[in-house]
Protein backbone atom coordinates (compact mmCIF):
# COMPACT_ATOMS: atom_id res chain seq x y z
CA UNK A 1 -79.08 -68.44 76.28
CA UNK A 2 -75.34 -68.11 76.98
CA UNK A 3 -72.66 -70.52 75.50
CA UNK A 4 -69.57 -69.80 77.71
CA UNK A 5 -66.88 -71.48 75.80
CA UNK A 6 -63.02 -71.47 76.86
CA UNK A 7 -60.27 -72.57 74.28
CA UNK A 8 -56.65 -73.72 75.05
CA UNK A 9 -54.80 -73.40 72.05
CA UNK A 10 -50.79 -74.01 70.26
CA UNK A 11 -49.81 -70.53 70.84
CA UNK A 12 -51.52 -66.95 70.52
CA UNK A 13 -52.39 -66.58 66.76
CA UNK A 14 -55.43 -67.56 64.91
CA UNK A 15 -53.90 -67.57 61.69
CA UNK A 16 -51.66 -70.32 62.43
CA UNK A 17 -52.58 -71.75 65.74
CA UNK A 18 -54.92 -74.38 66.61
CA UNK A 19 -57.24 -75.45 69.06
CA UNK A 20 -55.98 -78.16 71.60
CA UNK A 21 -59.04 -77.90 74.46
CA UNK A 22 -62.20 -76.52 74.41
CA UNK A 23 -65.06 -76.37 76.68
CA UNK A 24 -68.92 -75.37 75.95
CA UNK A 25 -71.12 -74.56 78.96
CA UNK A 26 -74.94 -73.61 77.93
CA UNK A 27 -76.53 -71.32 80.77
CA UNK A 28 -79.66 -69.99 80.64
CA UNK A 29 -78.78 -67.49 83.03
CA UNK A 30 -80.05 -69.72 85.66
CA UNK A 31 -78.81 -72.98 85.55
CA UNK A 32 -76.46 -75.21 83.27
CA UNK A 33 -78.03 -76.85 80.60
CA UNK A 34 -75.17 -78.50 78.86
CA UNK A 35 -71.88 -78.95 78.97
CA UNK A 36 -69.37 -80.20 76.78
CA UNK A 37 -65.35 -80.81 76.97
CA UNK A 38 -62.89 -82.14 75.19
CA UNK A 39 -58.79 -82.36 74.29
CA UNK A 40 -58.39 -81.73 70.32
CA UNK A 41 -55.70 -83.05 67.81
CA UNK A 42 -54.31 -79.88 66.28
CA UNK A 43 -52.59 -81.44 63.92
CA UNK A 44 -49.15 -79.54 64.72
CA UNK A 45 -46.57 -79.08 67.64
CA UNK A 46 -48.12 -77.37 70.92
CA UNK A 47 -45.99 -74.39 71.81
CA UNK A 48 -43.75 -75.59 75.34
CA UNK A 49 -45.01 -72.52 76.66
CA UNK A 50 -48.45 -73.71 76.35
CA UNK A 51 -47.51 -77.28 77.77
CA UNK A 52 -45.99 -75.51 80.95
CA UNK A 53 -49.03 -73.31 81.38
CA UNK A 54 -51.70 -76.14 80.79
CA UNK A 55 -50.12 -79.16 81.22
CA UNK A 56 -51.27 -80.65 77.93
CA UNK A 57 -48.75 -82.03 75.70
CA UNK A 58 -48.09 -83.81 72.76
CA UNK A 59 -49.12 -87.53 73.62
CA UNK A 60 -52.00 -86.36 75.34
CA UNK A 61 -53.34 -84.84 72.20
CA UNK A 62 -52.37 -87.30 69.72
CA UNK A 63 -55.32 -89.58 69.76
CA UNK A 64 -58.15 -87.05 70.36
CA UNK A 65 -60.68 -85.72 67.99
CA UNK A 66 -59.85 -83.00 65.37
CA UNK A 67 -61.56 -79.71 65.19
CA UNK A 68 -63.70 -81.11 62.07
CA UNK A 69 -65.23 -84.11 64.28
CA UNK A 70 -66.45 -81.61 66.90
CA UNK A 71 -67.60 -79.06 65.05
CA UNK A 72 -71.36 -80.09 64.48
CA UNK A 73 -71.45 -80.40 68.32
CA UNK A 74 -70.16 -76.63 68.51
CA UNK A 75 -72.61 -75.23 66.15
CA UNK A 76 -75.62 -76.66 68.05
CA UNK A 77 -74.65 -76.01 70.78
CA UNK A 78 -74.07 -72.45 70.12
CA UNK A 79 -76.90 -72.09 67.71
CA UNK A 80 -79.02 -68.65 68.44
CA UNK A 81 -77.07 -68.67 71.95
CA UNK A 82 -74.70 -65.58 72.92
CA UNK A 83 -70.96 -66.69 72.77
CA UNK A 84 -69.54 -65.64 76.14
CA UNK A 85 -66.10 -65.93 77.51
CA UNK A 86 -63.46 -64.17 79.46
CA UNK A 87 -61.72 -61.91 76.76
CA UNK A 88 -63.66 -63.17 73.93
CA UNK A 89 -62.01 -61.78 71.22
CA UNK A 90 -59.30 -64.29 71.52
CA UNK A 91 -61.32 -67.29 71.77
CA UNK A 92 -63.99 -66.35 69.47
CA UNK A 93 -60.87 -65.37 66.62
CA UNK A 94 -59.64 -68.91 66.87
CA UNK A 95 -62.95 -70.95 66.86
CA UNK A 96 -63.90 -68.80 64.08
CA UNK A 97 -60.75 -69.41 62.09
CA UNK A 98 -61.06 -73.18 62.98
CA UNK A 99 -64.47 -72.95 61.20
CA UNK A 100 -62.97 -71.12 58.27
CA UNK A 101 -60.63 -74.03 57.47
CA UNK A 102 -63.86 -76.26 57.36
CA UNK A 103 -65.49 -73.62 54.95
CA UNK A 104 -67.86 -72.64 57.62
CA UNK A 105 -68.46 -68.91 58.21
CA UNK A 106 -68.98 -68.56 62.01
CA UNK A 107 -70.79 -65.85 63.22
CA UNK A 108 -72.53 -65.25 66.82
CA UNK A 109 -73.42 -62.45 68.99
CA UNK A 110 -70.49 -62.36 71.89
CA UNK A 111 -70.27 -61.22 74.87
CA UNK A 112 -66.68 -60.07 76.82
CA UNK A 113 -67.16 -61.11 80.44
CA UNK A 114 -63.80 -58.80 80.79
CA UNK A 115 -65.64 -55.89 79.60
CA UNK A 116 -68.84 -56.30 81.72
CA UNK A 117 -66.72 -56.80 84.75
CA UNK A 118 -65.06 -53.75 84.43
CA UNK A 119 -68.52 -51.95 84.03
CA UNK A 120 -70.42 -54.24 86.59
CA UNK A 121 -67.86 -54.39 89.03
CA UNK A 122 -65.72 -50.89 88.41
CA UNK A 123 -62.53 -50.28 90.20
CA UNK A 124 -60.33 -53.34 90.58
CA UNK A 125 -56.69 -53.55 89.44
CA UNK A 126 -56.62 -56.38 87.70
CA UNK A 127 -59.52 -58.18 85.42
CA UNK A 128 -57.95 -61.13 84.70
CA UNK A 129 -60.19 -64.44 84.94
CA UNK A 130 -57.70 -65.70 88.38
CA UNK A 131 -57.76 -62.16 89.75
CA UNK A 132 -61.45 -61.14 89.55
CA UNK A 133 -62.41 -64.42 90.45
CA UNK A 134 -60.33 -64.58 93.61
CA UNK A 135 -61.55 -60.82 94.61
CA UNK A 136 -65.15 -62.13 94.22
CA UNK A 137 -64.55 -65.51 96.06
CA UNK A 138 -65.48 -67.51 93.07
CA UNK A 139 -63.31 -71.06 93.35
CA UNK A 140 -61.59 -71.86 90.11
CA UNK A 141 -60.58 -75.73 89.87
CA UNK A 142 -58.11 -76.83 86.84
CA UNK A 143 -56.99 -73.25 85.83
CA UNK A 144 -55.63 -72.69 82.48
CA UNK A 145 -57.52 -75.99 81.52
CA UNK A 146 -60.75 -75.19 79.18
CA UNK A 147 -63.32 -76.07 81.62
CA UNK A 148 -62.16 -74.76 84.73
CA UNK A 149 -61.75 -71.67 83.36
CA UNK A 150 -65.23 -72.16 81.57
CA UNK A 151 -66.97 -73.02 84.72
CA UNK A 152 -65.71 -70.15 86.62
CA UNK A 153 -66.38 -67.89 84.01
CA UNK A 154 -70.25 -68.93 84.16
CA UNK A 155 -70.21 -68.05 87.60
CA UNK A 156 -68.71 -64.59 87.06
CA UNK A 157 -71.48 -64.58 84.39
CA UNK A 158 -74.28 -65.46 86.84
CA UNK A 159 -72.83 -63.36 89.70
CA UNK A 160 -73.03 -60.22 87.11
CA UNK A 161 -76.59 -61.17 85.89
CA UNK A 162 -77.62 -60.75 89.42
CA UNK A 163 -76.77 -57.08 89.71
CA UNK A 164 -79.15 -54.21 89.24
CA UNK A 165 -76.97 -52.55 86.63
CA UNK A 166 -76.41 -55.42 84.27
CA UNK A 167 -79.00 -54.80 81.74
CA UNK A 168 -77.69 -51.42 80.55
CA UNK A 169 -73.96 -52.46 80.34
CA UNK A 170 -75.10 -55.77 78.44
CA UNK A 171 -76.86 -54.01 75.78
CA UNK A 172 -74.01 -52.17 74.85
CA UNK A 173 -71.52 -55.29 75.01
CA UNK A 174 -74.31 -57.17 73.16
CA UNK A 175 -74.35 -54.24 70.43
CA UNK A 176 -70.76 -54.24 70.18
CA UNK A 177 -70.00 -51.32 71.84
CA UNK A 178 -72.29 -49.02 70.81
CA UNK A 179 -75.74 -47.39 71.59
CA UNK A 180 -78.51 -48.52 69.55
CA UNK A 181 -79.72 -45.28 69.57
CA UNK A 182 -77.38 -44.32 67.41
CA UNK A 183 -77.59 -46.51 64.91
CA UNK A 184 -78.96 -45.34 61.49
CA UNK A 185 -83.03 -45.37 62.08
CA UNK A 186 -83.53 -48.21 59.31
CA UNK A 187 -80.73 -50.27 59.84
CA UNK A 188 -81.08 -53.53 62.06
CA UNK A 189 -79.02 -54.65 64.77
CA UNK A 190 -78.86 -58.02 62.48
CA UNK A 191 -76.81 -56.06 60.08
CA UNK A 192 -73.99 -54.88 62.83
CA UNK A 193 -74.24 -58.43 64.14
CA UNK A 194 -73.28 -60.38 60.42
CA UNK A 195 -69.95 -57.99 60.08
CA UNK A 196 -66.72 -60.28 60.40
CA UNK A 197 -63.50 -58.55 62.24
CA UNK A 198 -61.68 -59.35 58.98
CA UNK A 199 -60.21 -56.62 56.19
CA UNK A 200 -62.62 -56.19 53.43
CA UNK A 201 -64.66 -53.79 51.65
CA UNK A 202 -67.73 -52.95 53.55
CA UNK A 203 -70.66 -51.45 51.69
CA UNK A 204 -73.77 -49.15 52.75
CA UNK A 205 -76.71 -49.82 50.88
CA UNK A 206 -80.15 -48.03 50.17
CA UNK A 207 -83.70 -49.41 49.58
CA UNK A 208 -82.96 -50.26 45.99
CA UNK A 209 -79.86 -52.11 46.93
CA UNK A 210 -77.61 -49.20 45.68
CA UNK A 211 -74.12 -48.74 47.28
CA UNK A 212 -74.38 -45.10 48.60
CA UNK A 213 -70.81 -45.35 50.76
CA UNK A 214 -68.03 -47.98 51.26
CA UNK A 215 -64.55 -48.38 52.32
CA UNK A 216 -61.62 -50.85 52.37
CA UNK A 217 -60.71 -51.35 55.90
CA UNK A 218 -58.25 -53.90 58.08
CA UNK A 219 -60.99 -54.72 60.80
CA UNK A 220 -64.47 -54.05 59.10
CA UNK A 221 -66.99 -54.74 62.23
CA UNK A 222 -64.69 -52.04 64.30
CA UNK A 223 -64.87 -49.01 61.65
CA UNK A 224 -68.84 -49.34 61.06
CA UNK A 225 -68.96 -49.54 64.88
CA UNK A 226 -66.54 -46.40 64.95
CA UNK A 227 -68.53 -44.63 61.90
CA UNK A 228 -71.65 -45.13 63.54
CA UNK A 229 -70.54 -44.16 67.46
CA UNK A 230 -70.30 -40.77 66.29
CA UNK A 231 -73.65 -40.52 65.37
CA UNK A 232 -75.35 -37.94 62.65
CA UNK A 233 -73.08 -35.23 63.16
CA UNK A 234 -73.17 -33.51 59.55
CA UNK A 235 -76.48 -32.98 57.68
CA UNK A 236 -74.56 -35.36 55.13
CA UNK A 237 -74.02 -38.12 57.40
CA UNK A 238 -77.67 -37.56 58.55
CA UNK A 239 -78.66 -38.05 54.88
CA UNK A 240 -76.76 -40.94 54.68
CA UNK A 241 -78.36 -42.64 57.50
CA UNK A 242 -81.79 -42.12 56.53
CA UNK A 243 -81.10 -43.84 52.99
CA UNK A 244 -79.14 -46.60 54.51
CA UNK A 245 -81.41 -50.01 54.66
CA UNK A 246 -78.47 -52.94 54.42
CA UNK A 247 -74.88 -53.50 54.80
CA UNK A 248 -72.96 -55.97 52.47
CA UNK A 249 -69.20 -56.24 52.81
CA UNK A 250 -66.00 -58.64 50.75
CA UNK A 251 -62.93 -59.72 52.49
CA UNK A 252 -59.93 -59.00 51.28
CA UNK A 253 -57.65 -60.76 53.69
CA UNK A 254 -55.37 -57.79 54.10
CA UNK A 255 -55.38 -54.40 54.28
CA UNK A 256 -53.67 -53.27 51.20
CA UNK A 257 -56.17 -55.84 48.84
CA UNK A 258 -58.85 -54.14 50.87
CA UNK A 259 -57.78 -50.21 49.99
CA UNK A 260 -57.34 -51.47 46.17
CA UNK A 261 -60.61 -53.06 46.13
CA UNK A 262 -62.57 -50.04 47.45
CA UNK A 263 -60.81 -47.56 45.09
CA UNK A 264 -61.74 -49.97 42.32
CA UNK A 265 -65.42 -50.33 43.54
CA UNK A 266 -65.64 -46.33 43.97
CA UNK A 267 -64.73 -45.82 40.43
CA UNK A 268 -67.39 -48.63 39.33
CA UNK A 269 -70.05 -47.54 41.82
CA UNK A 270 -69.47 -43.60 42.06
CA UNK A 271 -71.04 -43.64 45.66
CA UNK A 272 -73.50 -40.62 46.54
CA UNK A 273 -71.16 -40.48 49.87
CA UNK A 274 -68.15 -41.25 48.99
CA UNK A 275 -65.54 -38.35 47.85
CA UNK A 276 -65.65 -39.09 43.98
CA UNK A 277 -62.03 -40.33 42.34
CA UNK A 278 -59.87 -38.14 40.35
CA UNK A 279 -59.00 -40.12 37.71
CA UNK A 280 -56.02 -38.47 36.74
CA UNK A 281 -54.04 -39.53 33.64
CA UNK A 282 -50.25 -39.23 33.74
CA UNK A 283 -48.84 -36.99 31.15
CA UNK A 284 -44.95 -36.34 32.56
CA UNK A 285 -42.29 -38.81 34.04
CA UNK A 286 -38.69 -38.98 35.23
CA UNK A 287 -36.41 -40.64 33.08
CA UNK A 288 -32.98 -42.30 33.54
CA UNK A 289 -31.07 -41.61 30.62
CA UNK A 290 -27.52 -41.59 29.65
CA UNK A 291 -25.06 -38.67 27.94
CA UNK A 292 -22.81 -39.10 25.70
CA UNK A 293 -19.92 -39.75 28.06
CA UNK A 294 -22.12 -42.40 30.10
CA UNK A 295 -23.57 -40.58 32.85
CA UNK A 296 -26.95 -41.02 34.31
CA UNK A 297 -29.48 -38.26 34.17
CA UNK A 298 -32.79 -37.36 35.62
CA UNK A 299 -34.93 -35.94 32.49
CA UNK A 300 -38.20 -34.93 32.61
CA UNK A 301 -40.40 -35.95 29.58
CA UNK A 302 -43.73 -36.70 28.47
CA UNK A 303 -44.88 -40.24 29.19
CA UNK A 304 -45.12 -41.47 25.33
CA UNK A 305 -40.74 -41.05 25.52
CA UNK A 306 -39.24 -43.78 24.34
CA UNK A 307 -35.09 -42.86 25.18
CA UNK A 308 -34.21 -43.98 28.82
CA UNK A 309 -36.02 -45.78 31.77
CA UNK A 310 -39.15 -44.26 33.17
CA UNK A 311 -39.00 -44.36 36.92
CA UNK A 312 -41.78 -42.01 38.22
CA UNK A 313 -44.91 -40.76 36.49
CA UNK A 314 -46.87 -37.97 36.84
CA UNK A 315 -50.28 -36.25 36.33
CA UNK A 316 -48.66 -32.82 35.55
CA UNK A 317 -44.98 -31.19 34.23
CA UNK A 318 -44.86 -29.25 37.31
CA UNK A 319 -45.62 -31.77 39.51
CA UNK A 320 -42.60 -33.95 38.22
CA UNK A 321 -40.55 -30.48 38.24
CA UNK A 322 -41.29 -30.31 41.91
CA UNK A 323 -40.62 -34.20 42.66
CA UNK A 324 -37.48 -33.75 40.72
CA UNK A 325 -36.40 -30.82 42.72
CA UNK A 326 -36.90 -32.46 46.00
CA UNK A 327 -34.85 -35.73 44.97
CA UNK A 328 -32.03 -33.38 44.20
CA UNK A 329 -32.18 -31.42 47.18
CA UNK A 330 -33.30 -33.90 49.51
CA UNK A 331 -30.40 -36.39 48.40
CA UNK A 332 -27.99 -33.53 47.81
CA UNK A 333 -26.96 -34.50 44.45
CA UNK A 334 -25.56 -30.91 43.79
CA UNK A 335 -22.11 -32.55 44.81
CA UNK A 336 -22.40 -35.38 42.29
CA UNK A 337 -23.57 -32.78 39.67
CA UNK A 338 -19.96 -31.36 40.48
CA UNK A 339 -18.41 -34.25 40.48
CA UNK A 340 -19.39 -34.66 36.95
CA UNK A 341 -18.78 -31.13 35.61
CA UNK A 342 -15.51 -31.52 36.83
CA UNK A 343 -14.35 -34.99 34.98
CA UNK A 344 -16.15 -33.23 32.08
CA UNK A 345 -13.90 -30.26 31.79
CA UNK A 346 -10.73 -32.16 32.37
CA UNK A 347 -11.87 -34.95 30.37
CA UNK A 348 -10.36 -37.39 32.90
CA UNK A 349 -14.05 -39.90 33.12
CA UNK A 350 -12.84 -42.03 36.21
CA UNK A 351 -14.68 -45.76 35.95
CA UNK A 352 -15.11 -46.12 39.32
CA UNK A 353 -16.08 -42.44 40.03
CA UNK A 354 -18.71 -42.79 37.00
CA UNK A 355 -20.09 -46.15 38.51
CA UNK A 356 -20.54 -44.27 41.92
CA UNK A 357 -22.18 -41.27 40.51
CA UNK A 358 -24.68 -43.39 38.27
CA UNK A 359 -25.89 -45.59 41.14
CA UNK A 360 -26.39 -42.35 43.10
CA UNK A 361 -28.68 -41.46 40.35
CA UNK A 362 -30.70 -44.32 39.87
CA UNK A 363 -31.14 -45.33 44.26
CA UNK A 364 -32.13 -41.79 44.55
CA UNK A 365 -34.90 -41.72 41.67
CA UNK A 366 -36.18 -45.07 42.85
CA UNK A 367 -36.32 -44.15 46.47
CA UNK A 368 -39.73 -42.37 45.59
CA UNK A 369 -41.09 -44.94 44.54
CA UNK A 370 -40.12 -48.58 44.90
CA UNK A 371 -36.95 -50.30 45.99
CA UNK A 372 -37.49 -52.47 42.67
CA UNK A 373 -39.09 -51.60 39.53
CA UNK A 374 -40.80 -55.03 39.04
CA UNK A 375 -41.92 -57.38 42.06
CA UNK A 376 -45.01 -59.11 43.58
CA UNK A 377 -46.41 -57.81 47.28
CA UNK A 378 -47.22 -61.31 49.27
CA UNK A 379 -50.12 -60.96 51.87
CA UNK A 380 -52.40 -62.46 53.60
CA UNK A 381 -55.08 -64.37 51.89
CA UNK A 382 -59.07 -64.52 52.71
CA UNK A 383 -58.63 -68.11 53.57
CA UNK A 384 -55.72 -69.52 56.18
CA UNK A 385 -54.25 -71.41 53.52
CA UNK A 386 -54.38 -68.89 50.76
CA UNK A 387 -52.00 -65.85 50.35
CA UNK A 388 -53.21 -62.54 48.54
CA UNK A 389 -50.44 -61.17 45.51
CA UNK A 390 -50.54 -57.63 43.96
CA UNK A 391 -48.06 -57.02 40.80
CA UNK A 392 -46.05 -54.28 39.71
CA UNK A 393 -43.90 -54.59 37.20
CA UNK A 394 -41.66 -51.40 35.43
CA UNK A 395 -43.37 -49.23 38.35
CA UNK A 396 -46.87 -50.08 36.53
CA UNK A 397 -49.57 -51.64 38.56
CA UNK A 398 -50.59 -54.47 37.28
CA UNK A 399 -53.20 -55.88 39.33
CA UNK A 400 -53.72 -58.19 42.15
CA UNK A 401 -54.88 -62.21 43.00
CA UNK A 402 -54.94 -64.64 45.17
CA UNK A 403 -53.25 -68.27 45.43
CA UNK A 404 -52.78 -71.43 47.30
CA UNK A 405 -49.36 -71.97 47.63
CA UNK A 406 -49.58 -75.79 47.89
CA UNK A 407 -51.16 -75.26 44.13
CA UNK A 408 -49.20 -72.28 43.02
CA UNK A 409 -45.52 -72.24 42.91
CA UNK A 410 -44.04 -68.32 44.04
CA UNK A 411 -42.46 -67.84 40.72
CA UNK A 412 -43.24 -64.73 38.74
CA UNK A 413 -44.34 -66.71 35.88
CA UNK A 414 -47.15 -68.92 37.77
CA UNK A 415 -48.14 -65.59 39.98
CA UNK A 416 -48.77 -63.59 37.03
CA UNK A 417 -51.36 -66.12 35.75
CA UNK A 418 -53.35 -65.31 38.73
CA UNK A 419 -53.50 -61.86 38.88
CA UNK A 420 -56.78 -60.05 37.93
CA UNK A 421 -55.87 -57.28 35.53
CA UNK A 422 -56.61 -53.79 36.81
CA UNK A 423 -56.18 -50.15 35.71
CA UNK A 424 -52.87 -48.54 36.92
CA UNK A 425 -53.19 -44.87 37.95
CA UNK A 426 -51.88 -41.89 40.40
CA UNK A 427 -54.09 -42.78 43.21
CA UNK A 428 -53.29 -46.74 43.11
CA UNK A 429 -49.76 -45.90 43.81
CA UNK A 430 -50.31 -43.55 46.54
CA UNK A 431 -52.36 -46.60 48.10
CA UNK A 432 -49.57 -48.68 47.68
CA UNK A 433 -47.10 -46.77 49.00
CA UNK A 434 -48.74 -45.86 52.19
CA UNK A 435 -49.58 -49.90 52.91
CA UNK A 436 -46.34 -50.87 52.48
CA UNK A 437 -44.76 -47.95 54.70
CA UNK A 438 -47.23 -49.88 57.14
CA UNK A 439 -46.91 -53.19 56.64
CA UNK A 440 -43.67 -54.13 58.46
CA UNK A 441 -41.72 -57.66 57.09
CA UNK A 442 -43.52 -57.92 53.78
CA UNK A 443 -42.79 -60.74 51.42
CA UNK A 444 -41.46 -58.94 47.90
CA UNK A 445 -40.74 -61.25 45.01
CA UNK A 446 -38.55 -59.36 42.85
CA UNK A 447 -37.42 -60.59 39.58
């Protein structure tokens, strides 16, 4: 059974936009069994571009049901059916997010008629719904309205089901793009079907439920499918596949907390097929200290040194020396050192030049860790009305947590209270630095 679906929305982001119209047509492969279509009150403004494209205005949806009012109807119509849409990732993502707002984990087997049409009817210039239907002679009434597009998708699906080649392509699509023969021998397809396309940690488990491998990723399902698509290409992977019986997961809201969670879990479980984490204690650090004339100095001392400000920590004195040399060379600090020596020799300390010198020393050292020494990183949370937060204080990782902005003000004092304490070590900072480079326009609260 197929539940063919199309939605119109306030915009293009599942996280912030809402459904304004939905159509569901239940199709058994030969005939339509049930049809449902309605406008939906999104409880927010509709983008003017969307109104121009669809003709749906704010006034049209004002007195319509909200998504919660129609949610049970959608659950019933899609139950044990294959969720079909033209560009299914968008429609499924929007509907899944609407259900998440209601506290419901909506998961269905999915079929994308865009991908299927490319395989069954190869060689066309465009596979947009309008173009492929026009090419195949399928009439669309009410283009860019949910029911019109859904009925056209039903006709497209019916035409594809009538071809002799559709069976093998359908199987690949329903198996999320992987060859079923490449799956671990004792792992059911259901284990793949339940995986979300969200950030988090996935766990491969053996017959006793022990974790044998885990990873923190931006898209759980995509990463797992990528791993399986490679097949058993090494003896180690073959053994892992033979031991694997199930896959579990925990959502994180974003890739940064996924990586931090995975690192913590790896240390806790020590899975057989994960690289064993090297928990290396900090032994030395670069400190900013001042000499008797007030000049900032970058000095290496043991981590228990009590004079000056500790800005960068290392697992050995050798690595500290290596980084300090790099800081000096990359930032051409030799010219600043020459200026300092000249002022000391003449005994004429210019306040303005002293301030510039000290600023240069401080900026260059901090550049190799964080822009601020104490701050919070604000990321996407697990739920739409939630944020994740990672806490750094005095360049030390404190942990992460989740909060609802409506209930918890975004002040340093309130954010500290919701943090779940975690261990600080060298690997954690590598994870945070790497993710910060990838995360553009990330909100930072410094204090």
